Amino acid sequence: MIYAVDFDGTLCECKYPKIGKPNMPLIRFLLSEQLKGHKLILYTMREGDSLNDAVNWCSQNHKLVFDD
């Protein structure tokens, strides 16, 4: 299965261009699904530095890494 997940308003509160509080129930669910072998895709309109900030926030703060 492949999960495509939005960032602002889904993985975290919508505070664009800043990053809001994390949606921990969703993050825990996605981490558990990834451990089962499912793929994760970040589906967002962010680009450039703002996108890099979101990807880094996910990986550094929550160990959430997306598939290519």
N, C-alpha and C. Protein backbone atom coordinates (compact mmCIF):
# COMPACT_ATOMS: atom_id res chain seq x y z
N MET A 1 0.85 -1.17 0.00
CA MET A 1 0.00 0.00 0.00
C MET A 1 0.90 1.23 0.00
N ILE A 2 0.41 2.29 -0.60
CA ILE A 2 1.13 3.57 -0.62
C ILE A 2 0.24 4.62 0.03
N TYR A 3 0.82 5.34 0.99
CA TYR A 3 0.13 6.45 1.65
C TYR A 3 0.73 7.75 1.16
N ALA A 4 -0.09 8.61 0.57
CA ALA A 4 0.32 9.96 0.19
C ALA A 4 -0.30 10.90 1.21
N VAL A 5 0.55 11.61 1.94
CA VAL A 5 0.07 12.41 3.07
C VAL A 5 0.47 13.87 2.90
N ASP A 6 -0.46 14.76 3.15
CA ASP A 6 -0.23 16.19 3.07
C ASP A 6 0.52 16.64 4.33
N PHE A 7 1.17 17.77 4.25
CA PHE A 7 1.94 18.27 5.39
C PHE A 7 1.12 19.26 6.22
N ASP A 8 0.90 20.46 5.69
CA ASP A 8 0.21 21.52 6.45
C ASP A 8 -1.26 21.18 6.64
N GLY A 9 -1.67 21.12 7.89
CA GLY A 9 -3.05 20.80 8.22
C GLY A 9 -3.32 19.30 8.32
N THR A 10 -2.30 18.48 8.06
CA THR A 10 -2.47 17.03 8.15
C THR A 10 -1.40 16.44 9.06
N LEU A 11 -0.14 16.48 8.64
CA LEU A 11 0.94 16.01 9.51
C LEU A 11 1.20 16.98 10.67
N CYS A 12 0.86 18.23 10.45
CA CYS A 12 1.01 19.24 11.50
C CYS A 12 -0.08 20.29 11.32
N GLU A 13 -0.25 21.12 12.35
CA GLU A 13 -1.19 22.23 12.26
C GLU A 13 -0.78 23.15 11.11
N CYS A 14 -1.73 23.76 10.48
CA CYS A 14 -1.45 24.66 9.37
C CYS A 14 -0.96 26.00 9.90
N LYS A 15 0.34 26.26 9.75
CA LYS A 15 0.95 27.53 10.17
C LYS A 15 1.86 28.05 9.05
N TYR A 16 1.61 27.60 7.81
CA TYR A 16 2.46 27.93 6.67
C TYR A 16 2.77 29.42 6.62
N PRO A 17 3.99 29.82 6.40
CA PRO A 17 5.16 29.02 6.01
C PRO A 17 5.90 28.39 7.19
N LYS A 18 5.46 28.67 8.41
CA LYS A 18 6.07 28.03 9.57
C LYS A 18 5.52 26.61 9.68
N ILE A 19 5.99 25.87 10.66
CA ILE A 19 5.53 24.50 10.88
C ILE A 19 4.80 24.44 12.21
N GLY A 20 3.57 23.95 12.17
CA GLY A 20 2.74 23.88 13.36
C GLY A 20 3.04 22.66 14.21
N LYS A 21 2.21 22.47 15.22
CA LYS A 21 2.35 21.33 16.13
C LYS A 21 2.09 20.03 15.39
N PRO A 22 2.84 18.98 15.73
CA PRO A 22 2.68 17.70 15.03
C PRO A 22 1.36 17.00 15.35
N ASN A 23 0.88 16.26 14.37
CA ASN A 23 -0.29 15.40 14.54
C ASN A 23 0.25 14.02 14.91
N MET A 24 0.51 13.82 16.19
CA MET A 24 1.18 12.61 16.64
C MET A 24 0.40 11.32 16.38
N PRO A 25 -0.93 11.30 16.51
CA PRO A 25 -1.62 10.05 16.17
C PRO A 25 -1.38 9.63 14.72
N LEU A 26 -1.40 10.58 13.80
CA LEU A 26 -1.14 10.26 12.39
C LEU A 26 0.31 9.85 12.19
N ILE A 27 1.24 10.55 12.79
CA ILE A 27 2.66 10.21 12.66
C ILE A 27 2.91 8.80 13.17
N ARG A 28 2.37 8.45 14.33
CA ARG A 28 2.53 7.09 14.87
C ARG A 28 1.94 6.05 13.92
N PHE A 29 0.77 6.33 13.37
CA PHE A 29 0.14 5.41 12.42
C PHE A 29 1.03 5.21 11.19
N LEU A 30 1.53 6.28 10.62
CA LEU A 30 2.37 6.18 9.43
C LEU A 30 3.66 5.42 9.71
N LEU A 31 4.26 5.66 10.87
CA LEU A 31 5.47 4.93 11.23
C LEU A 31 5.18 3.43 11.34
N SER A 32 4.05 3.08 11.94
CA SER A 32 3.71 1.66 12.08
C SER A 32 3.43 1.02 10.73
N GLU A 33 2.79 1.76 9.83
CA GLU A 33 2.52 1.24 8.50
C GLU A 33 3.82 1.06 7.70
N GLN A 34 4.74 1.98 7.87
CA GLN A 34 6.02 1.88 7.18
C GLN A 34 6.80 0.65 7.66
N LEU A 35 6.72 0.35 8.94
CA LEU A 35 7.37 -0.85 9.47
C LEU A 35 6.79 -2.12 8.87
N LYS A 36 5.55 -2.06 8.44
CA LYS A 36 4.90 -3.21 7.80
C LYS A 36 5.26 -3.32 6.32
N GLY A 37 6.06 -2.37 5.82
CA GLY A 37 6.49 -2.41 4.43
C GLY A 37 5.73 -1.49 3.49
N HIS A 38 4.79 -0.72 4.02
CA HIS A 38 4.04 0.20 3.18
C HIS A 38 4.89 1.43 2.84
N LYS A 39 4.60 2.07 1.74
CA LYS A 39 5.35 3.23 1.26
C LYS A 39 4.67 4.51 1.68
N LEU A 40 5.49 5.56 1.93
CA LEU A 40 4.98 6.87 2.30
C LEU A 40 5.46 7.91 1.31
N ILE A 41 4.54 8.76 0.87
CA ILE A 41 4.87 9.86 -0.03
C ILE A 41 4.37 11.15 0.61
N LEU A 42 5.22 12.17 0.63
CA LEU A 42 4.81 13.49 1.10
C LEU A 42 4.16 14.21 -0.07
N TYR A 43 2.89 14.53 0.08
CA TYR A 43 2.10 15.17 -0.97
C TYR A 43 1.78 16.58 -0.50
N THR A 44 2.55 17.57 -0.97
CA THR A 44 2.43 18.92 -0.46
C THR A 44 2.69 19.93 -1.56
N MET A 45 2.20 21.13 -1.36
CA MET A 45 2.47 22.22 -2.30
C MET A 45 3.73 22.99 -1.92
N ARG A 46 4.34 22.64 -0.80
CA ARG A 46 5.59 23.30 -0.40
C ARG A 46 6.66 23.02 -1.45
N GLU A 47 7.57 23.99 -1.60
CA GLU A 47 8.67 23.82 -2.53
C GLU A 47 9.91 24.55 -1.99
N GLY A 48 11.06 24.25 -2.57
CA GLY A 48 12.30 24.92 -2.19
C GLY A 48 12.65 24.72 -0.74
N ASP A 49 13.09 25.80 -0.08
CA ASP A 49 13.49 25.73 1.32
C ASP A 49 12.34 25.29 2.23
N SER A 50 11.14 25.72 1.90
CA SER A 50 9.98 25.35 2.70
C SER A 50 9.73 23.84 2.66
N LEU A 51 9.92 23.24 1.50
CA LEU A 51 9.80 21.78 1.37
C LEU A 51 10.91 21.09 2.14
N ASN A 52 12.13 21.57 2.00
CA ASN A 52 13.26 20.99 2.74
C ASN A 52 13.02 21.07 4.24
N ASP A 53 12.48 22.19 4.71
CA ASP A 53 12.17 22.34 6.13
C ASP A 53 11.16 21.27 6.59
N ALA A 54 10.13 21.03 5.77
CA ALA A 54 9.10 20.04 6.12
C ALA A 54 9.69 18.64 6.16
N VAL A 55 10.48 18.28 5.15
CA VAL A 55 11.07 16.94 5.09
C VAL A 55 12.03 16.74 6.27
N ASN A 56 12.85 17.75 6.56
CA ASN A 56 13.77 17.66 7.69
C ASN A 56 13.03 17.57 9.01
N TRP A 57 11.97 18.32 9.18
CA TRP A 57 11.16 18.28 10.40
C TRP A 57 10.62 16.87 10.62
N CYS A 58 10.14 16.26 9.55
CA CYS A 58 9.59 14.90 9.65
C CYS A 58 10.68 13.90 10.05
N SER A 59 11.82 13.97 9.40
CA SER A 59 12.86 12.96 9.65
C SER A 59 13.60 13.21 10.96
N GLN A 60 13.94 14.44 11.25
CA GLN A 60 14.74 14.73 12.44
C GLN A 60 13.93 14.69 13.73
N ASN A 61 12.71 15.16 13.67
CA ASN A 61 11.90 15.23 14.89
C ASN A 61 11.02 13.99 15.13
N HIS A 62 10.69 13.28 14.05
CA HIS A 62 9.71 12.20 14.19
C HIS A 62 10.12 10.90 13.51
N LYS A 63 11.33 10.84 12.97
CA LYS A 63 11.86 9.63 12.31
C LYS A 63 10.97 9.19 11.14
N LEU A 64 10.24 10.12 10.57
CA LEU A 64 9.35 9.85 9.46
C LEU A 64 10.09 10.17 8.16
N VAL A 65 10.39 9.12 7.39
CA VAL A 65 11.16 9.26 6.15
C VAL A 65 10.28 8.81 4.98
N PHE A 66 10.29 9.59 3.93
CA PHE A 66 9.42 9.30 2.78
C PHE A 66 10.17 8.55 1.70
N ASP A 67 9.42 7.76 0.93
CA ASP A 67 9.97 6.98 -0.17
C ASP A 67 10.07 7.86 -1.40
N ASP A 68 10.97 7.48 -2.31
CA ASP A 68 11.14 8.22 -3.57
C ASP A 68 10.09 7.84 -4.57
